[in-house]
C-alpha atoms as a PDB file:
ATOM      1  CA  MET A   1     130.505 109.611  98.304  1.00  0.00           C
ATOM      2  CA  LEU A   2     129.122 109.639  94.759  1.00  0.00           C
ATOM      3  CA  ARG A   3     126.284 107.273  95.716  1.00  0.00           C
ATOM      4  CA  ASN A   4     125.341 109.549  98.596  1.00  0.00           C
ATOM      5  CA  ARG A   5     125.291 112.577  96.306  1.00  0.00           C
ATOM      6  CA  ILE A   6     123.202 110.754  93.681  1.00  0.00           C
ATOM      7  CA  GLY A   7     120.828 109.575  96.406  1.00  0.00           C
ATOM      8  CA  THR A   8     120.413 113.138  97.631  1.00  0.00           C
ATOM      9  CA  ILE A   9     119.684 114.389  94.114  1.00  0.00           C
ATOM     10  CA  VAL A  10     117.132 111.625  93.479  1.00  0.00           C
ATOM     11  CA  THR A  11     115.464 112.306  96.834  1.00  0.00           C
ATOM     12  CA  MET A  12     115.192 116.034  96.152  1.00  0.00           C
ATOM     13  CA  ALA A  13     113.800 115.402  92.670  1.00  0.00           C
ATOM     14  CA  GLY A  14     111.256 112.977  94.121  1.00  0.00           C
ATOM     15  CA  ILE A  15     110.139 115.488  96.724  1.00  0.00           C
ATOM     16  CA  ALA A  16     109.750 118.161  94.040  1.00  0.00           C
ATOM     17  CA  ILE A  17     107.735 115.797  91.847  1.00  0.00           C
ATOM     18  CA  LEU A  18     105.483 114.765  94.710  1.00  0.00           C
ATOM     19  CA  ALA A  19     105.000 118.325  95.983  1.00  0.00           C
ATOM     20  CA  SER A  20     103.982 119.953  92.705  1.00  0.00           C
ATOM     21  CA  PRO A  21     100.721 117.996  92.183  1.00  0.00           C
ATOM     22  CA  LEU A  22      99.856 118.447  95.862  1.00  0.00           C
ATOM     23  CA  LEU A  23     100.186 122.202  95.500  1.00  0.00           C
ATOM     24  CA  ALA A  24      97.969 122.124  92.426  1.00  0.00           C
ATOM     25  CA  MET A  25      95.275 120.212  94.300  1.00  0.00           C
ATOM     26  CA  ALA A  26      95.360 122.628  97.242  1.00  0.00           C
ATOM     27  CA  GLN A  27      94.382 125.662  95.170  1.00  0.00           C
ATOM     28  CA  GLU A  28      91.018 127.256  95.682  1.00  0.00           C
ATOM     29  CA  ALA A  29      88.642 127.132  92.744  1.00  0.00           C
ATOM     30  CA  ALA A  30      88.303 130.891  92.172  1.00  0.00           C
ATOM     31  CA  GLY A  31      86.959 130.720  88.645  1.00  0.00           C
ATOM     32  CA  ALA A  32      85.302 128.149  86.457  1.00  0.00           C
ATOM     33  CA  GLY A  33      88.351 127.464  84.282  1.00  0.00           C
ATOM     34  CA  ASP A  34      91.247 129.325  85.888  1.00  0.00           C
ATOM     35  CA  GLY A  35      93.343 126.411  87.160  1.00  0.00           C
ATOM     36  CA  ALA A  36      92.009 123.635  84.949  1.00  0.00           C
ATOM     37  CA  PRO A  37      94.764 123.718  82.289  1.00  0.00           C
ATOM     38  CA  LEU A  38      97.493 123.837  84.924  1.00  0.00           C
ATOM     39  CA  ARG A  39      95.928 120.982  86.864  1.00  0.00           C
ATOM     40  CA  ALA A  40      95.525 118.885  83.721  1.00  0.00           C
ATOM     41  CA  GLY A  41      99.111 119.532  82.731  1.00  0.00           C
ATOM     42  CA  LEU A  42     100.425 118.582  86.166  1.00  0.00           C
ATOM     43  CA  ILE A  43      98.399 115.370  86.141  1.00  0.00           C
ATOM     44  CA  ALA A  44      99.797 114.485  82.712  1.00  0.00           C
ATOM     45  CA  ILE A  45     103.355 115.222  83.813  1.00  0.00           C
ATOM     46  CA  ALA A  46     102.892 113.190  87.012  1.00  0.00           C
ATOM     47  CA  ALA A  47     101.515 110.218  85.072  1.00  0.00           C
ATOM     48  CA  ASN A  48     104.370 110.282  82.568  1.00  0.00           C
ATOM     49  CA  ILE A  49     107.081 110.693  85.201  1.00  0.00           C
ATOM     50  CA  GLY A  50     105.494 107.908  87.256  1.00  0.00           C
ATOM     51  CA  ILE A  51     105.612 105.534  84.296  1.00  0.00           C
ATOM     52  CA  GLY A  52     109.216 106.504  83.627  1.00  0.00           C
ATOM     53  CA  ILE A  53     110.257 105.859  87.217  1.00  0.00           C
ATOM     54  CA  ALA A  54     108.379 102.549  87.286  1.00  0.00           C
ATOM     55  CA  ALA A  55     109.967 101.390  84.032  1.00  0.00           C
ATOM     56  CA  PHE A  56     113.436 102.442  85.182  1.00  0.00           C
ATOM     57  CA  GLY A  57     113.072 100.715  88.548  1.00  0.00           C
ATOM     58  CA  SER A  58     111.666  97.607  86.924  1.00  0.00           C
ATOM     59  CA  ALA A  59     114.539  97.465  84.458  1.00  0.00           C
ATOM     60  CA  LEU A  60     117.073  97.809  87.278  1.00  0.00           C
ATOM     61  CA  GLY A  61     115.375  95.085  89.311  1.00  0.00           C
ATOM     62  CA  GLN A  62     115.108  92.688  86.408  1.00  0.00           C
ATOM     63  CA  GLY A  63     118.714  93.283  85.428  1.00  0.00           C
ATOM     64  CA  ARG A  64     119.995  92.656  88.931  1.00  0.00           C
ATOM     65  CA  MET A  65     117.878  89.534  89.304  1.00  0.00           C
ATOM     66  CA  ALA A  66     118.992  88.070  85.980  1.00  0.00           C
ATOM     67  CA  ALA A  67     122.641  88.912  86.697  1.00  0.00           C
ATOM     68  CA  SER A  68     122.475  87.259  90.116  1.00  0.00           C
ATOM     69  CA  ALA A  69     120.787  84.173  88.684  1.00  0.00           C
ATOM     70  CA  MET A  70     123.367  83.844  85.911  1.00  0.00           C
ATOM     71  CA  GLU A  71     126.189  84.296  88.413  1.00  0.00           C
ATOM     72  CA  SER A  72     124.691  81.592  90.638  1.00  0.00           C
ATOM     73  CA  ILE A  73     124.280  79.227  87.697  1.00  0.00           C
ATOM     74  CA  GLY A  74     127.852  79.986  86.627  1.00  0.00           C
ATOM     75  CA  ARG A  75     129.166  79.051  90.062  1.00  0.00           C
ATOM     76  CA  ASN A  76     127.031  75.922  90.359  1.00  0.00           C
ATOM     77  CA  PRO A  77     125.717  74.693  86.976  1.00  0.00           C
ATOM     78  CA  ASN A  78     123.853  71.785  88.605  1.00  0.00           C
ATOM     79  CA  SER A  79     121.470  74.220  90.340  1.00  0.00           C
ATOM     80  CA  ALA A  80     120.200  75.786  87.092  1.00  0.00           C
ATOM     81  CA  GLY A  81     116.851  73.983  87.344  1.00  0.00           C
ATOM     82  CA  GLN A  82     116.328  75.154  90.918  1.00  0.00           C
ATOM     83  CA  ILE A  83     117.208  78.782  90.126  1.00  0.00           C
ATOM     84  CA  PHE A  84     115.450  79.238  86.792  1.00  0.00           C
ATOM     85  CA  VAL A  85     111.795  78.832  87.840  1.00  0.00           C
ATOM     86  CA  PRO A  86     111.929  81.171  90.887  1.00  0.00           C
ATOM     87  CA  MET A  87     113.809  83.704  88.741  1.00  0.00           C
ATOM     88  CA  ILE A  88     111.052  83.683  86.103  1.00  0.00           C
ATOM     89  CA  ILE A  89     108.371  84.048  88.782  1.00  0.00           C
ATOM     90  CA  GLY A  90     110.275  86.957  90.345  1.00  0.00           C
ATOM     91  CA  LEU A  91     110.628  88.635  86.951  1.00  0.00           C
ATOM     92  CA  ALA A  92     106.876  88.292  86.433  1.00  0.00           C
ATOM     93  CA  PHE A  93     106.201  89.956  89.800  1.00  0.00           C
ATOM     94  CA  ILE A  94     108.557  92.824  88.957  1.00  0.00           C
ATOM     95  CA  GLU A  95     106.843  93.293  85.598  1.00  0.00           C
ATOM     96  CA  ALA A  96     103.444  93.260  87.328  1.00  0.00           C
ATOM     97  CA  LEU A  97     104.485  96.262  89.419  1.00  0.00           C
ATOM     98  CA  THR A  98     105.283  98.151  86.217  1.00  0.00           C
ATOM     99  CA  LEU A  99     101.901  97.232  84.785  1.00  0.00           C
ATOM    100  CA  TYR A 100     100.221  98.520  87.962  1.00  0.00           C
ATOM    101  CA  ALA A 101     101.995 101.838  87.429  1.00  0.00           C
ATOM    102  CA  LEU A 102     100.733 101.853  83.841  1.00  0.00           C
ATOM    103  CA  VAL A 103      97.150 101.316  85.017  1.00  0.00           C
ATOM    104  CA  ILE A 104      97.480 104.118  87.562  1.00  0.00           C
ATOM    105  CA  ALA A 105      98.827 106.400  84.823  1.00  0.00           C
ATOM    106  CA  PHE A 106      95.807 105.565  82.658  1.00  0.00           C
ATOM    107  CA  PHE A 107      93.515 106.437  85.554  1.00  0.00           C
ATOM    108  CA  LEU A 108      95.323 109.749  86.002  1.00  0.00           C
ATOM    109  CA  GLN A 109      95.059 110.499  82.281  1.00  0.00           C
ATOM    110  CA  ALA A 110      91.310 109.847  82.482  1.00  0.00           C
ATOM    111  CA  LYS A 111      91.013 112.693  85.024  1.00  0.00           C
ATOM    112  CA  ILE A 112      92.193 115.234  82.465  1.00  0.00           C
END
């Protein structure tokens, strides 16, 4: 029940975050500088929220992966060598996704 409610809240927040920059981009350019500060602010907010979500998701993924690996090693200590290398590679892939989000945020900041 609580997970469902949290999922609904996260979904609604995500829709609101995704909709606000789209509305800013859909505005007509009436004047030379009328919507520029608002657009720049929305881009900055979107970049910062995107980095926050990417870092949070990456931290959750890395934590779950490390916990599962340690639990597996705890149950079968002889398999530590077979679990450790794929775990490190998986952690590197998860971290790469966060770095991609960072690069996208830098590109968005360059548009301001």
